[in-house]
Amino acid sequence: MARGNQRDLARQKNLKKQQEANKGSKKEGDPKKRMESDAEILRQKQAAANARKEAELLEKLKLEKSRR
């Protein structure tokens, strides 16, 4: 058992490092407003994805029609 308290010191150091890393990632403001804004962003992303899929489908149909 030559390690002594090295393991405990390493755990404390790692815990402090993780807490520092998590400190900056916290979101500011009211949680309800944040949830609403996040939901709106997701709705916009979904609408854009749906539009892209629809455009791809139309392009695919045009290609099939031109082959006939």
N, C-alpha and C. Protein backbone atom coordinates (compact mmCIF):
# COMPACT_ATOMS: atom_id res chain seq x y z
N MET A 1 0.84 -1.18 0.00
CA MET A 1 0.00 0.00 0.00
C MET A 1 0.89 1.25 0.00
N ALA A 2 1.63 1.43 -1.04
CA ALA A 2 2.55 2.55 -1.12
C ALA A 2 1.88 3.82 -1.61
N ARG A 3 0.64 3.72 -2.02
CA ARG A 3 -0.01 4.89 -2.62
C ARG A 3 -0.43 5.93 -1.59
N GLY A 4 -0.71 5.55 -0.41
CA GLY A 4 -1.12 6.50 0.62
C GLY A 4 -2.42 7.19 0.26
N ASN A 5 -2.43 8.50 0.30
CA ASN A 5 -3.67 9.22 0.00
C ASN A 5 -3.70 9.75 -1.44
N GLN A 6 -2.86 9.22 -2.29
CA GLN A 6 -2.79 9.67 -3.68
C GLN A 6 -4.14 9.48 -4.40
N ARG A 7 -4.78 8.36 -4.13
CA ARG A 7 -6.06 8.08 -4.77
C ARG A 7 -7.12 9.08 -4.34
N ASP A 8 -7.16 9.40 -3.04
CA ASP A 8 -8.12 10.38 -2.54
C ASP A 8 -7.86 11.76 -3.12
N LEU A 9 -6.59 12.14 -3.21
CA LEU A 9 -6.26 13.45 -3.79
C LEU A 9 -6.66 13.51 -5.26
N ALA A 10 -6.46 12.41 -5.98
CA ALA A 10 -6.83 12.37 -7.39
C ALA A 10 -8.36 12.49 -7.54
N ARG A 11 -9.10 11.84 -6.67
CA ARG A 11 -10.56 11.93 -6.72
C ARG A 11 -11.04 13.36 -6.44
N GLN A 12 -10.43 14.00 -5.44
CA GLN A 12 -10.81 15.38 -5.13
C GLN A 12 -10.48 16.32 -6.28
N LYS A 13 -9.32 16.11 -6.88
CA LYS A 13 -8.91 16.94 -8.01
C LYS A 13 -9.86 16.77 -9.19
N ASN A 14 -10.23 15.53 -9.47
CA ASN A 14 -11.14 15.25 -10.57
C ASN A 14 -12.53 15.82 -10.30
N LEU A 15 -13.01 15.72 -9.07
CA LEU A 15 -14.31 16.27 -8.71
C LEU A 15 -14.31 17.79 -8.91
N LYS A 16 -13.26 18.44 -8.48
CA LYS A 16 -13.16 19.89 -8.64
C LYS A 16 -13.13 20.26 -10.12
N LYS A 17 -12.41 19.48 -10.91
CA LYS A 17 -12.32 19.71 -12.36
C LYS A 17 -13.69 19.57 -13.03
N GLN A 18 -14.44 18.56 -12.64
CA GLN A 18 -15.77 18.34 -13.20
C GLN A 18 -16.73 19.46 -12.80
N GLN A 19 -16.64 19.93 -11.56
CA GLN A 19 -17.49 21.01 -11.12
C GLN A 19 -17.19 22.29 -11.88
N GLU A 20 -15.93 22.57 -12.16
CA GLU A 20 -15.55 23.75 -12.93
C GLU A 20 -16.08 23.64 -14.36
N ALA A 21 -16.03 22.45 -14.94
CA ALA A 21 -16.50 22.24 -16.30
C ALA A 21 -18.01 22.42 -16.38
N ASN A 22 -18.74 21.98 -15.36
CA ASN A 22 -20.20 22.07 -15.36
C ASN A 22 -20.70 23.46 -15.02
N LYS A 23 -19.87 24.25 -14.38
CA LYS A 23 -20.29 25.57 -13.93
C LYS A 23 -20.68 26.46 -15.11
N GLY A 24 -19.94 26.42 -16.19
CA GLY A 24 -20.22 27.27 -17.34
C GLY A 24 -21.36 26.79 -18.21
N SER A 25 -21.75 25.54 -18.09
CA SER A 25 -22.76 24.99 -18.98
C SER A 25 -24.18 25.20 -18.47
N LYS A 26 -24.35 25.79 -17.30
CA LYS A 26 -25.69 26.02 -16.77
C LYS A 26 -26.37 27.12 -17.57
N LYS A 27 -27.64 26.94 -17.83
CA LYS A 27 -28.39 27.95 -18.57
C LYS A 27 -28.96 28.99 -17.62
N GLU A 28 -29.05 30.19 -18.12
CA GLU A 28 -29.54 31.31 -17.31
C GLU A 28 -31.03 31.49 -17.53
N GLY A 29 -31.69 32.20 -16.64
CA GLY A 29 -33.07 32.61 -16.82
C GLY A 29 -34.08 31.65 -16.24
N ASP A 30 -35.34 32.00 -16.50
CA ASP A 30 -36.49 31.26 -16.00
C ASP A 30 -36.59 29.91 -16.73
N PRO A 31 -36.72 28.82 -16.02
CA PRO A 31 -36.79 27.50 -16.68
C PRO A 31 -37.97 27.37 -17.65
N LYS A 32 -39.12 27.95 -17.31
CA LYS A 32 -40.27 27.84 -18.21
C LYS A 32 -40.02 28.57 -19.52
N LYS A 33 -39.47 29.78 -19.42
CA LYS A 33 -39.16 30.54 -20.63
C LYS A 33 -38.10 29.82 -21.46
N ARG A 34 -37.13 29.24 -20.78
CA ARG A 34 -36.08 28.51 -21.47
C ARG A 34 -36.65 27.29 -22.18
N MET A 35 -37.58 26.60 -21.52
CA MET A 35 -38.21 25.44 -22.15
C MET A 35 -39.01 25.86 -23.38
N GLU A 36 -39.73 26.98 -23.28
CA GLU A 36 -40.51 27.46 -24.40
C GLU A 36 -39.62 27.84 -25.57
N SER A 37 -38.52 28.52 -25.28
CA SER A 37 -37.63 28.93 -26.36
C SER A 37 -36.95 27.71 -26.99
N ASP A 38 -36.57 26.74 -26.16
CA ASP A 38 -35.98 25.52 -26.69
C ASP A 38 -36.98 24.76 -27.57
N ALA A 39 -38.23 24.73 -27.13
CA ALA A 39 -39.27 24.05 -27.91
C ALA A 39 -39.48 24.75 -29.24
N GLU A 40 -39.45 26.08 -29.24
CA GLU A 40 -39.63 26.83 -30.48
C GLU A 40 -38.47 26.56 -31.44
N ILE A 41 -37.27 26.50 -30.91
CA ILE A 41 -36.11 26.19 -31.75
C ILE A 41 -36.26 24.81 -32.36
N LEU A 42 -36.70 23.84 -31.57
CA LEU A 42 -36.89 22.48 -32.08
C LEU A 42 -38.00 22.43 -33.13
N ARG A 43 -39.07 23.22 -32.92
CA ARG A 43 -40.14 23.28 -33.94
C ARG A 43 -39.60 23.83 -35.25
N GLN A 44 -38.78 24.86 -35.18
CA GLN A 44 -38.21 25.44 -36.39
C GLN A 44 -37.30 24.45 -37.11
N LYS A 45 -36.50 23.73 -36.33
CA LYS A 45 -35.63 22.72 -36.92
C LYS A 45 -36.44 21.62 -37.59
N GLN A 46 -37.53 21.20 -36.94
CA GLN A 46 -38.37 20.15 -37.50
C GLN A 46 -39.04 20.63 -38.77
N ALA A 47 -39.51 21.88 -38.79
CA ALA A 47 -40.14 22.42 -39.99
C ALA A 47 -39.14 22.47 -41.14
N ALA A 48 -37.91 22.87 -40.85
CA ALA A 48 -36.88 22.91 -41.88
C ALA A 48 -36.57 21.50 -42.40
N ALA A 49 -36.52 20.53 -41.50
CA ALA A 49 -36.25 19.15 -41.90
C ALA A 49 -37.40 18.62 -42.76
N ASN A 50 -38.63 18.92 -42.37
CA ASN A 50 -39.78 18.48 -43.16
C ASN A 50 -39.77 19.11 -44.55
N ALA A 51 -39.42 20.39 -44.63
CA ALA A 51 -39.35 21.06 -45.93
C ALA A 51 -38.26 20.44 -46.79
N ARG A 52 -37.14 20.12 -46.19
CA ARG A 52 -36.04 19.50 -46.94
C ARG A 52 -36.45 18.12 -47.45
N LYS A 53 -37.12 17.34 -46.60
CA LYS A 53 -37.57 16.01 -47.02
C LYS A 53 -38.59 16.11 -48.15
N GLU A 54 -39.47 17.09 -48.06
CA GLU A 54 -40.48 17.28 -49.09
C GLU A 54 -39.82 17.67 -50.41
N ALA A 55 -38.81 18.53 -50.35
CA ALA A 55 -38.09 18.94 -51.55
C ALA A 55 -37.36 17.75 -52.17
N GLU A 56 -36.78 16.91 -51.34
CA GLU A 56 -36.09 15.71 -51.84
C GLU A 56 -37.08 14.76 -52.49
N LEU A 57 -38.25 14.62 -51.91
CA LEU A 57 -39.27 13.74 -52.47
C LEU A 57 -39.74 14.26 -53.83
N LEU A 58 -39.96 15.57 -53.93
CA LEU A 58 -40.35 16.16 -55.21
C LEU A 58 -39.27 15.96 -56.26
N GLU A 59 -38.03 16.13 -55.87
CA GLU A 59 -36.92 15.93 -56.81
C GLU A 59 -36.88 14.48 -57.26
N LYS A 60 -37.10 13.56 -56.36
CA LYS A 60 -37.11 12.14 -56.69
C LYS A 60 -38.23 11.82 -57.66
N LEU A 61 -39.42 12.40 -57.42
CA LEU A 61 -40.55 12.18 -58.31
C LEU A 61 -40.28 12.76 -59.70
N LYS A 62 -39.63 13.92 -59.76
CA LYS A 62 -39.29 14.52 -61.05
C LYS A 62 -38.33 13.63 -61.82
N LEU A 63 -37.35 13.06 -61.13
CA LEU A 63 -36.40 12.16 -61.78
C LEU A 63 -37.11 10.93 -62.33
N GLU A 64 -38.00 10.36 -61.54
CA GLU A 64 -38.74 9.17 -61.99
C GLU A 64 -39.62 9.51 -63.18
N LYS A 65 -40.24 10.68 -63.17
CA LYS A 65 -41.12 11.09 -64.25
C LYS A 65 -40.33 11.32 -65.53
N SER A 66 -39.12 11.88 -65.39
CA SER A 66 -38.31 12.15 -66.57
C SER A 66 -37.75 10.87 -67.17
N ARG A 67 -37.61 9.82 -66.42
CA ARG A 67 -37.11 8.54 -66.92
C ARG A 67 -38.15 7.81 -67.75
N ARG A 68 -39.41 8.10 -67.52
CA ARG A 68 -40.48 7.40 -68.23
C ARG A 68 -40.66 7.91 -69.60
